[in-house]
Amino acid sequence: MDYLSDFEFSRLPRAYREESRIAEETRFTTELLLTVGAMVAPANLRPIYASRAYAEEVLGSVWEESESSAFFAMDCQEIRRVIKILTKVDPHRETSGFAPAGAPSVAIHVVHGAYPILRGHIELIETVPLTSVEHDPLAMKLIIGLDDRNKLARDNHQKGWHYHYCNSKGQRSDTMLSFDTEAAKANVPLFWERHGEGKAKFRAKAHLWGDQKRESIWTSASPELTKHPLHEFRRPKNEASPVWPLDATLSARARA
């Protein structure tokens, strides 16, 4: 089943459309959300998705073919609908429980767009943790089963808007970009860091980017700063390096 409409797909740069796996990722992630959603909130979704046989037959085969180590999907109506259902589930309901120790966190990485930069692209990503799923033993059993080869990246519930760097062909790298969430609102610095994406197509040479490329990345990313408050962005890790301005220093984390 294809959940990514022709209109949504046509909004993406041509090179990115041709080389990325966003259509396949949308299919898998949406099927997964529908399945765990039927387990966690059965009244809201068709019962077929809660079938163990369905999960094993459909999800298992697609997951084995997946080249992604995380749940990526293009923003689309079906993704938004299921996330809305899952984020409203009461984690204290009678059937709730906690996942076994070592179980993966469950976060969906929603791609809201891909924008051209100098010799590449950046994906605008919203990471949404689905903590309600982690309170459902049956749903977590499915997630752990899929993760039996430790393919999932552990994100420790970090959430928010950020970017992934892709090359000129649209292939996703191991490099994540995020704004300094503690900086002054004007000219917010952008930082880069390695991200635990086990099957990224390539390792970006971000430390070798020239000033022109760095500035083009900041210019493409910065319009989002006018659309969302800074606290909704994902804070860079302490070891992150500046993209632009080149001499930027990560602000100290604000005290709670």
C-alpha atoms as a PDB file:
ATOM      1  CA  MET A   1       0.000   0.000   0.000  1.00  0.00           C
ATOM      2  CA  ASP A   2       1.450   3.387  -1.020  1.00  0.00           C
ATOM      3  CA  TYR A   3       0.737   6.147   1.495  1.00  0.00           C
ATOM      4  CA  LEU A   4       2.817   8.823  -0.215  1.00  0.00           C
ATOM      5  CA  SER A   5       0.654  10.759  -2.692  1.00  0.00           C
ATOM      6  CA  ASP A   6       1.909  11.929  -6.059  1.00  0.00           C
ATOM      7  CA  PHE A   7       1.527  15.533  -4.879  1.00  0.00           C
ATOM      8  CA  GLU A   8       3.604  14.971  -1.755  1.00  0.00           C
ATOM      9  CA  PHE A   9       6.253  13.137  -3.753  1.00  0.00           C
ATOM     10  CA  SER A  10       6.384  15.830  -6.462  1.00  0.00           C
ATOM     11  CA  ARG A  11       7.315  18.486  -3.882  1.00  0.00           C
ATOM     12  CA  LEU A  12      10.723  16.865  -3.364  1.00  0.00           C
ATOM     13  CA  PRO A  13      13.804  17.732  -5.466  1.00  0.00           C
ATOM     14  CA  ARG A  14      14.140  15.401  -8.428  1.00  0.00           C
ATOM     15  CA  ALA A  15      17.577  14.015  -7.492  1.00  0.00           C
ATOM     16  CA  TYR A  16      16.373  13.331  -3.960  1.00  0.00           C
ATOM     17  CA  ARG A  17      13.214  11.581  -5.229  1.00  0.00           C
ATOM     18  CA  GLU A  18      15.203   9.347  -7.548  1.00  0.00           C
ATOM     19  CA  GLU A  19      17.902   8.263  -5.087  1.00  0.00           C
ATOM     20  CA  SER A  20      16.245   8.266  -1.650  1.00  0.00           C
ATOM     21  CA  ARG A  21      14.130   5.437  -0.268  1.00  0.00           C
ATOM     22  CA  ILE A  22      11.475   7.749   1.119  1.00  0.00           C
ATOM     23  CA  ALA A  23       8.591   5.942  -0.656  1.00  0.00           C
ATOM     24  CA  GLU A  24       9.631   2.563   0.781  1.00  0.00           C
ATOM     25  CA  GLU A  25      10.277   4.088   4.217  1.00  0.00           C
ATOM     26  CA  THR A  26       6.832   5.706   4.218  1.00  0.00           C
ATOM     27  CA  ARG A  27       5.203   2.389   3.438  1.00  0.00           C
ATOM     28  CA  PHE A  28       7.045   0.488   6.155  1.00  0.00           C
ATOM     29  CA  THR A  29       6.738   3.116   8.883  1.00  0.00           C
ATOM     30  CA  THR A  30       3.037   3.655   8.217  1.00  0.00           C
ATOM     31  CA  GLU A  31       2.352  -0.089   8.297  1.00  0.00           C
ATOM     32  CA  LEU A  32       4.250  -0.290  11.585  1.00  0.00           C
ATOM     33  CA  LEU A  33       2.304   2.617  13.102  1.00  0.00           C
ATOM     34  CA  LEU A  34      -1.004   1.121  12.012  1.00  0.00           C
ATOM     35  CA  THR A  35      -0.026  -2.211  13.559  1.00  0.00           C
ATOM     36  CA  VAL A  36       1.121  -0.896  16.945  1.00  0.00           C
ATOM     37  CA  GLY A  37      -1.752   1.584  16.917  1.00  0.00           C
ATOM     38  CA  ALA A  38      -4.243  -1.260  16.628  1.00  0.00           C
ATOM     39  CA  MET A  39      -2.557  -2.922  19.605  1.00  0.00           C
ATOM     40  CA  VAL A  40      -2.452   0.203  21.747  1.00  0.00           C
ATOM     41  CA  ALA A  41      -5.694   1.852  20.631  1.00  0.00           C
ATOM     42  CA  PRO A  42      -7.801  -0.893  18.988  1.00  0.00           C
ATOM     43  CA  ALA A  43     -10.979   1.200  18.860  1.00  0.00           C
ATOM     44  CA  ASN A  44      -9.384   3.682  16.461  1.00  0.00           C
ATOM     45  CA  LEU A  45      -7.966   1.388  13.780  1.00  0.00           C
ATOM     46  CA  ARG A  46      -9.039  -1.630  11.754  1.00  0.00           C
ATOM     47  CA  PRO A  47      -8.533  -4.911  13.686  1.00  0.00           C
ATOM     48  CA  ILE A  48      -6.540  -6.508  10.844  1.00  0.00           C
ATOM     49  CA  TYR A  49      -3.503  -4.479  11.900  1.00  0.00           C
ATOM     50  CA  ALA A  50      -3.467  -6.079  15.359  1.00  0.00           C
ATOM     51  CA  SER A  51      -3.094  -9.549  13.873  1.00  0.00           C
ATOM     52  CA  ARG A  52       0.204 -11.193  14.789  1.00  0.00           C
ATOM     53  CA  ALA A  53       0.210 -13.047  11.472  1.00  0.00           C
ATOM     54  CA  TYR A  54      -0.245  -9.762   9.605  1.00  0.00           C
ATOM     55  CA  ALA A  55       2.610  -8.179  11.505  1.00  0.00           C
ATOM     56  CA  GLU A  56       4.953 -11.089  10.867  1.00  0.00           C
ATOM     57  CA  GLU A  57       4.030 -11.447   7.192  1.00  0.00           C
ATOM     58  CA  VAL A  58       3.951  -7.792   6.160  1.00  0.00           C
ATOM     59  CA  LEU A  59       6.232  -6.004   8.587  1.00  0.00           C
ATOM     60  CA  GLY A  60       8.815  -8.733   8.914  1.00  0.00           C
ATOM     61  CA  SER A  61       9.534  -9.011   5.198  1.00  0.00           C
ATOM     62  CA  VAL A  62       9.566  -5.250   4.624  1.00  0.00           C
ATOM     63  CA  TRP A  63      11.837  -4.675   7.633  1.00  0.00           C
ATOM     64  CA  GLU A  64      14.359  -7.215   6.374  1.00  0.00           C
ATOM     65  CA  GLU A  65      14.493  -5.371   3.049  1.00  0.00           C
ATOM     66  CA  SER A  66      14.789  -1.964   4.678  1.00  0.00           C
ATOM     67  CA  GLU A  67      18.072  -0.080   4.383  1.00  0.00           C
ATOM     68  CA  SER A  68      17.190   2.239   7.237  1.00  0.00           C
ATOM     69  CA  SER A  69      18.096   1.716  10.877  1.00  0.00           C
ATOM     70  CA  ALA A  70      15.274   3.961  12.076  1.00  0.00           C
ATOM     71  CA  PHE A  71      11.612   4.657  11.385  1.00  0.00           C
ATOM     72  CA  PHE A  72      11.658   7.321   8.671  1.00  0.00           C
ATOM     73  CA  ALA A  73       8.618   8.453   6.728  1.00  0.00           C
ATOM     74  CA  MET A  74       7.572  11.359   4.550  1.00  0.00           C
ATOM     75  CA  ASP A  75       4.993  13.627   6.146  1.00  0.00           C
ATOM     76  CA  CYS A  76       1.599  12.561   4.809  1.00  0.00           C
ATOM     77  CA  GLN A  77      -2.005  12.454   5.970  1.00  0.00           C
ATOM     78  CA  GLU A  78      -1.908   8.842   7.133  1.00  0.00           C
ATOM     79  CA  ILE A  79       1.276   9.335   9.165  1.00  0.00           C
ATOM     80  CA  ARG A  80      -0.219  12.395  10.899  1.00  0.00           C
ATOM     81  CA  ARG A  81      -3.469  10.550  11.643  1.00  0.00           C
ATOM     82  CA  VAL A  82      -1.831   7.551  13.315  1.00  0.00           C
ATOM     83  CA  ILE A  83       0.675   9.654  15.285  1.00  0.00           C
ATOM     84  CA  LYS A  84      -2.247  11.717  16.612  1.00  0.00           C
ATOM     85  CA  ILE A  85      -3.953   8.528  17.794  1.00  0.00           C
ATOM     86  CA  LEU A  86      -0.832   7.141  19.447  1.00  0.00           C
ATOM     87  CA  THR A  87       0.175  10.348  21.223  1.00  0.00           C
ATOM     88  CA  LYS A  88      -3.277  10.636  22.816  1.00  0.00           C
ATOM     89  CA  VAL A  89      -3.322   7.135  24.331  1.00  0.00           C
ATOM     90  CA  ASP A  90      -3.489   7.097  28.133  1.00  0.00           C
ATOM     91  CA  PRO A  91      -0.228   5.462  29.335  1.00  0.00           C
ATOM     92  CA  HIS A  92      -1.838   4.620  32.699  1.00  0.00           C
ATOM     93  CA  ARG A  93      -4.687   2.513  31.345  1.00  0.00           C
ATOM     94  CA  GLU A  94      -5.239  -0.917  32.875  1.00  0.00           C
ATOM     95  CA  THR A  95      -3.285  -2.853  30.228  1.00  0.00           C
ATOM     96  CA  SER A  96      -0.219  -0.658  30.566  1.00  0.00           C
ATOM     97  CA  GLY A  97       3.191  -2.005  31.423  1.00  0.00           C
ATOM     98  CA  PHE A  98       6.811  -1.069  30.916  1.00  0.00           C
ATOM     99  CA  ALA A  99       9.128  -2.401  28.253  1.00  0.00           C
ATOM    100  CA  PRO A 100      11.843  -4.851  29.296  1.00  0.00           C
ATOM    101  CA  ALA A 101      15.298  -3.443  30.096  1.00  0.00           C
ATOM    102  CA  GLY A 102      17.286  -2.758  26.961  1.00  0.00           C
ATOM    103  CA  ALA A 103      14.230  -2.366  24.746  1.00  0.00           C
ATOM    104  CA  PRO A 104      14.555   0.277  22.013  1.00  0.00           C
ATOM    105  CA  SER A 105      12.930   3.646  22.358  1.00  0.00           C
ATOM    106  CA  VAL A 106      10.261   4.213  19.726  1.00  0.00           C
ATOM    107  CA  ALA A 107      10.601   7.409  17.743  1.00  0.00           C
ATOM    108  CA  ILE A 108       9.265   8.268  14.305  1.00  0.00           C
ATOM    109  CA  HIS A 109      11.401  10.498  12.098  1.00  0.00           C
ATOM    110  CA  VAL A 110       8.995  12.440   9.888  1.00  0.00           C
ATOM    111  CA  VAL A 111      10.559  14.027   6.795  1.00  0.00           C
ATOM    112  CA  HIS A 112       8.726  17.300   6.138  1.00  0.00           C
ATOM    113  CA  GLY A 113      10.760  18.286   3.105  1.00  0.00           C
ATOM    114  CA  ALA A 114      14.101  18.163   1.322  1.00  0.00           C
ATOM    115  CA  TYR A 115      15.851  21.355   0.224  1.00  0.00           C
ATOM    116  CA  PRO A 116      18.718  21.878  -2.222  1.00  0.00           C
ATOM    117  CA  ILE A 117      22.031  23.226  -0.925  1.00  0.00           C
ATOM    118  CA  LEU A 118      25.389  23.599  -2.612  1.00  0.00           C
ATOM    119  CA  ARG A 119      26.208  20.108  -3.958  1.00  0.00           C
ATOM    120  CA  GLY A 120      23.608  18.362  -1.830  1.00  0.00           C
ATOM    121  CA  HIS A 121      20.309  18.417   0.029  1.00  0.00           C
ATOM    122  CA  ILE A 122      19.118  18.697   3.607  1.00  0.00           C
ATOM    123  CA  GLU A 123      16.072  16.859   4.935  1.00  0.00           C
ATOM    124  CA  LEU A 124      13.871  18.680   7.432  1.00  0.00           C
ATOM    125  CA  ILE A 125      13.127  16.089  10.127  1.00  0.00           C
ATOM    126  CA  GLU A 126      10.695  16.084  13.038  1.00  0.00           C
ATOM    127  CA  THR A 127      11.436  13.338  15.557  1.00  0.00           C
ATOM    128  CA  VAL A 128       8.330  12.303  17.488  1.00  0.00           C
ATOM    129  CA  PRO A 129       8.801   9.881  20.427  1.00  0.00           C
ATOM    130  CA  LEU A 130       5.855   7.496  20.861  1.00  0.00           C
ATOM    131  CA  THR A 131       6.096   6.868  24.591  1.00  0.00           C
ATOM    132  CA  SER A 132       2.566   5.465  24.708  1.00  0.00           C
ATOM    133  CA  VAL A 133       3.733   2.511  22.621  1.00  0.00           C
ATOM    134  CA  GLU A 134       6.430   1.746  25.186  1.00  0.00           C
ATOM    135  CA  HIS A 135       3.764   1.269  27.849  1.00  0.00           C
ATOM    136  CA  ASP A 136       2.082  -1.497  25.858  1.00  0.00           C
ATOM    137  CA  PRO A 137       3.722  -4.942  26.325  1.00  0.00           C
ATOM    138  CA  LEU A 138       2.229  -6.429  23.131  1.00  0.00           C
ATOM    139  CA  ALA A 139       3.336  -3.532  20.968  1.00  0.00           C
ATOM    140  CA  MET A 140       6.811  -3.586  22.479  1.00  0.00           C
ATOM    141  CA  LYS A 141       7.055  -7.327  21.879  1.00  0.00           C
ATOM    142  CA  LEU A 142       6.581  -6.592  18.195  1.00  0.00           C
ATOM    143  CA  ILE A 143       9.170  -3.773  18.247  1.00  0.00           C
ATOM    144  CA  ILE A 144      11.706  -5.949  20.092  1.00  0.00           C
ATOM    145  CA  GLY A 145      11.084  -8.746  17.589  1.00  0.00           C
ATOM    146  CA  LEU A 146      11.850  -6.413  14.725  1.00  0.00           C
ATOM    147  CA  ASP A 147      14.931  -5.187  16.572  1.00  0.00           C
ATOM    148  CA  ASP A 148      16.405  -8.629  17.214  1.00  0.00           C
ATOM    149  CA  ARG A 149      19.434  -7.699  15.143  1.00  0.00           C
ATOM    150  CA  ASN A 150      19.899  -4.357  16.908  1.00  0.00           C
ATOM    151  CA  LYS A 151      19.113  -2.384  13.778  1.00  0.00           C
ATOM    152  CA  LEU A 152      17.288   0.438  15.525  1.00  0.00           C
ATOM    153  CA  ALA A 153      19.085   3.565  16.606  1.00  0.00           C
ATOM    154  CA  ARG A 154      18.597   4.409  20.275  1.00  0.00           C
ATOM    155  CA  ASP A 155      17.554   8.038  20.529  1.00  0.00           C
ATOM    156  CA  ASN A 156      16.956   8.422  24.275  1.00  0.00           C
ATOM    157  CA  HIS A 157      13.708  10.253  23.548  1.00  0.00           C
ATOM    158  CA  GLN A 158      15.411  13.261  22.055  1.00  0.00           C
ATOM    159  CA  LYS A 159      12.844  14.993  19.934  1.00  0.00           C
ATOM    160  CA  GLY A 160      12.326  18.056  17.843  1.00  0.00           C
ATOM    161  CA  TRP A 161      13.134  19.617  14.488  1.00  0.00           C
ATOM    162  CA  HIS A 162      16.529  19.045  12.900  1.00  0.00           C
ATOM    163  CA  TYR A 163      18.092  18.176   9.544  1.00  0.00           C
ATOM    164  CA  HIS A 164      19.914  15.329   7.857  1.00  0.00           C
ATOM    165  CA  TYR A 165      22.556  15.988   5.260  1.00  0.00           C
ATOM    166  CA  CYS A 166      22.158  14.211   1.899  1.00  0.00           C
ATOM    167  CA  ASN A 167      24.502  14.288  -1.071  1.00  0.00           C
ATOM    168  CA  SER A 168      23.678  15.695  -4.511  1.00  0.00           C
ATOM    169  CA  LYS A 169      21.969  12.419  -5.476  1.00  0.00           C
ATOM    170  CA  GLY A 170      19.713  12.486  -2.418  1.00  0.00           C
ATOM    171  CA  GLN A 171      21.476   9.702  -0.524  1.00  0.00           C
ATOM    172  CA  ARG A 172      21.244  10.132   3.272  1.00  0.00           C
ATOM    173  CA  SER A 173      24.483  10.483   5.244  1.00  0.00           C
ATOM    174  CA  ASP A 174      25.406   9.793   8.855  1.00  0.00           C
ATOM    175  CA  THR A 175      25.425  13.530   9.632  1.00  0.00           C
ATOM    176  CA  MET A 176      22.718  15.406  11.508  1.00  0.00           C
ATOM    177  CA  LEU A 177      22.362  19.190  11.647  1.00  0.00           C
ATOM    178  CA  SER A 178      20.658  21.140  14.428  1.00  0.00           C
ATOM    179  CA  PHE A 179      20.367  24.699  15.698  1.00  0.00           C
ATOM    180  CA  ASP A 180      21.671  25.968  19.014  1.00  0.00           C
ATOM    181  CA  THR A 181      18.437  26.045  20.994  1.00  0.00           C
ATOM    182  CA  GLU A 182      19.909  28.269  23.718  1.00  0.00           C
ATOM    183  CA  ALA A 183      21.207  30.964  21.354  1.00  0.00           C
ATOM    184  CA  ALA A 184      19.802  34.435  20.844  1.00  0.00           C
ATOM    185  CA  LYS A 185      16.952  34.469  18.311  1.00  0.00           C
ATOM    186  CA  ALA A 186      18.923  36.463  15.721  1.00  0.00           C
ATOM    187  CA  ASN A 187      21.407  34.493  13.567  1.00  0.00           C
ATOM    188  CA  VAL A 188      21.048  31.199  15.434  1.00  0.00           C
ATOM    189  CA  PRO A 189      24.149  29.005  14.791  1.00  0.00           C
ATOM    190  CA  LEU A 190      23.799  25.617  13.116  1.00  0.00           C
ATOM    191  CA  PHE A 191      25.875  22.599  14.262  1.00  0.00           C
ATOM    192  CA  TRP A 192      26.642  19.158  12.856  1.00  0.00           C
ATOM    193  CA  GLU A 193      27.263  15.805  14.528  1.00  0.00           C
ATOM    194  CA  ARG A 194      27.439  12.128  13.650  1.00  0.00           C
ATOM    195  CA  HIS A 195      24.188  10.280  14.141  1.00  0.00           C
ATOM    196  CA  GLY A 196      23.843   6.555  14.858  1.00  0.00           C
ATOM    197  CA  GLU A 197      22.283   5.568  11.568  1.00  0.00           C
ATOM    198  CA  GLY A 198      23.822   2.174  10.976  1.00  0.00           C
ATOM    199  CA  LYS A 199      23.051   1.956   7.288  1.00  0.00           C
ATOM    200  CA  ALA A 200      23.627   5.487   6.079  1.00  0.00           C
ATOM    201  CA  LYS A 201      24.675   5.529   2.449  1.00  0.00           C
ATOM    202  CA  PHE A 202      27.903   7.369   3.190  1.00  0.00           C
ATOM    203  CA  ARG A 203      29.962   9.182   5.817  1.00  0.00           C
ATOM    204  CA  ALA A 204      29.834  12.915   5.190  1.00  0.00           C
ATOM    205  CA  LYS A 205      33.097  14.881   5.281  1.00  0.00           C
ATOM    206  CA  ALA A 206      31.491  17.760   7.151  1.00  0.00           C
ATOM    207  CA  HIS A 207      34.811  18.881   8.643  1.00  0.00           C
ATOM    208  CA  LEU A 208      36.045  19.623   5.107  1.00  0.00           C
ATOM    209  CA  TRP A 209      33.071  21.717   3.958  1.00  0.00           C
ATOM    210  CA  GLY A 210      34.070  25.119   2.615  1.00  0.00           C
ATOM    211  CA  ASP A 211      32.557  28.400   3.753  1.00  0.00           C
ATOM    212  CA  GLN A 212      30.305  28.664   0.692  1.00  0.00           C
ATOM    213  CA  LYS A 213      28.745  25.270   1.314  1.00  0.00           C
ATOM    214  CA  ARG A 214      28.377  25.862   5.038  1.00  0.00           C
ATOM    215  CA  GLU A 215      26.608  29.160   4.475  1.00  0.00           C
ATOM    216  CA  SER A 216      24.321  27.610   1.843  1.00  0.00           C
ATOM    217  CA  ILE A 217      23.263  24.955   4.374  1.00  0.00           C
ATOM    218  CA  TRP A 218      22.472  27.598   7.014  1.00  0.00           C
ATOM    219  CA  THR A 219      20.573  29.680   4.439  1.00  0.00           C
ATOM    220  CA  SER A 220      18.407  26.696   3.432  1.00  0.00           C
ATOM    221  CA  ALA A 221      17.771  25.630   7.023  1.00  0.00           C
ATOM    222  CA  SER A 222      17.194  28.989   8.708  1.00  0.00           C
ATOM    223  CA  PRO A 223      13.671  29.792   7.367  1.00  0.00           C
ATOM    224  CA  GLU A 224      12.308  27.141   9.762  1.00  0.00           C
ATOM    225  CA  LEU A 225      13.401  29.350  12.660  1.00  0.00           C
ATOM    226  CA  THR A 226      10.536  31.720  11.836  1.00  0.00           C
ATOM    227  CA  LYS A 227       7.978  28.887  11.872  1.00  0.00           C
ATOM    228  CA  HIS A 228       8.751  27.160  15.176  1.00  0.00           C
ATOM    229  CA  PRO A 229       9.942  28.376  18.597  1.00  0.00           C
ATOM    230  CA  LEU A 230      13.511  27.373  19.437  1.00  0.00           C
ATOM    231  CA  HIS A 231      12.459  24.985  22.203  1.00  0.00           C
ATOM    232  CA  GLU A 232      10.803  22.788  19.557  1.00  0.00           C
ATOM    233  CA  PHE A 233      14.170  22.185  17.856  1.00  0.00           C
ATOM    234  CA  ARG A 234      16.543  19.413  18.835  1.00  0.00           C
ATOM    235  CA  ARG A 235      19.546  20.641  20.794  1.00  0.00           C
ATOM    236  CA  PRO A 236      22.973  19.638  19.407  1.00  0.00           C
ATOM    237  CA  LYS A 237      25.090  17.319  21.514  1.00  0.00           C
ATOM    238  CA  ASN A 238      27.921  18.914  23.452  1.00  0.00           C
ATOM    239  CA  GLU A 239      30.499  17.484  21.054  1.00  0.00           C
ATOM    240  CA  ALA A 240      28.759  18.935  17.957  1.00  0.00           C
ATOM    241  CA  SER A 241      30.818  21.170  15.636  1.00  0.00           C
ATOM    242  CA  PRO A 242      29.704  24.426  14.025  1.00  0.00           C
ATOM    243  CA  VAL A 243      28.410  24.544  10.461  1.00  0.00           C
ATOM    244  CA  TRP A 244      27.722  28.284  10.292  1.00  0.00           C
ATOM    245  CA  PRO A 245      28.869  30.698  11.547  1.00  0.00           C
ATOM    246  CA  LEU A 246      32.184  28.883  11.475  1.00  0.00           C
ATOM    247  CA  ASP A 247      33.365  30.337  14.779  1.00  0.00           C
ATOM    248  CA  ALA A 248      30.143  29.559  16.673  1.00  0.00           C
ATOM    249  CA  THR A 249      30.302  28.060  20.152  1.00  0.00           C
ATOM    250  CA  LEU A 250      27.440  25.982  21.523  1.00  0.00           C
ATOM    251  CA  SER A 251      25.583  27.851  24.262  1.00  0.00           C
ATOM    252  CA  ALA A 252      25.461  26.420  27.754  1.00  0.00           C
ATOM    253  CA  ARG A 253      22.355  24.408  28.496  1.00  0.00           C
ATOM    254  CA  ALA A 254      19.768  26.445  30.388  1.00  0.00           C
ATOM    255  CA  ARG A 255      19.182  25.389  33.978  1.00  0.00           C
ATOM    256  CA  ALA A 256      15.867  23.671  34.627  1.00  0.00           C
END
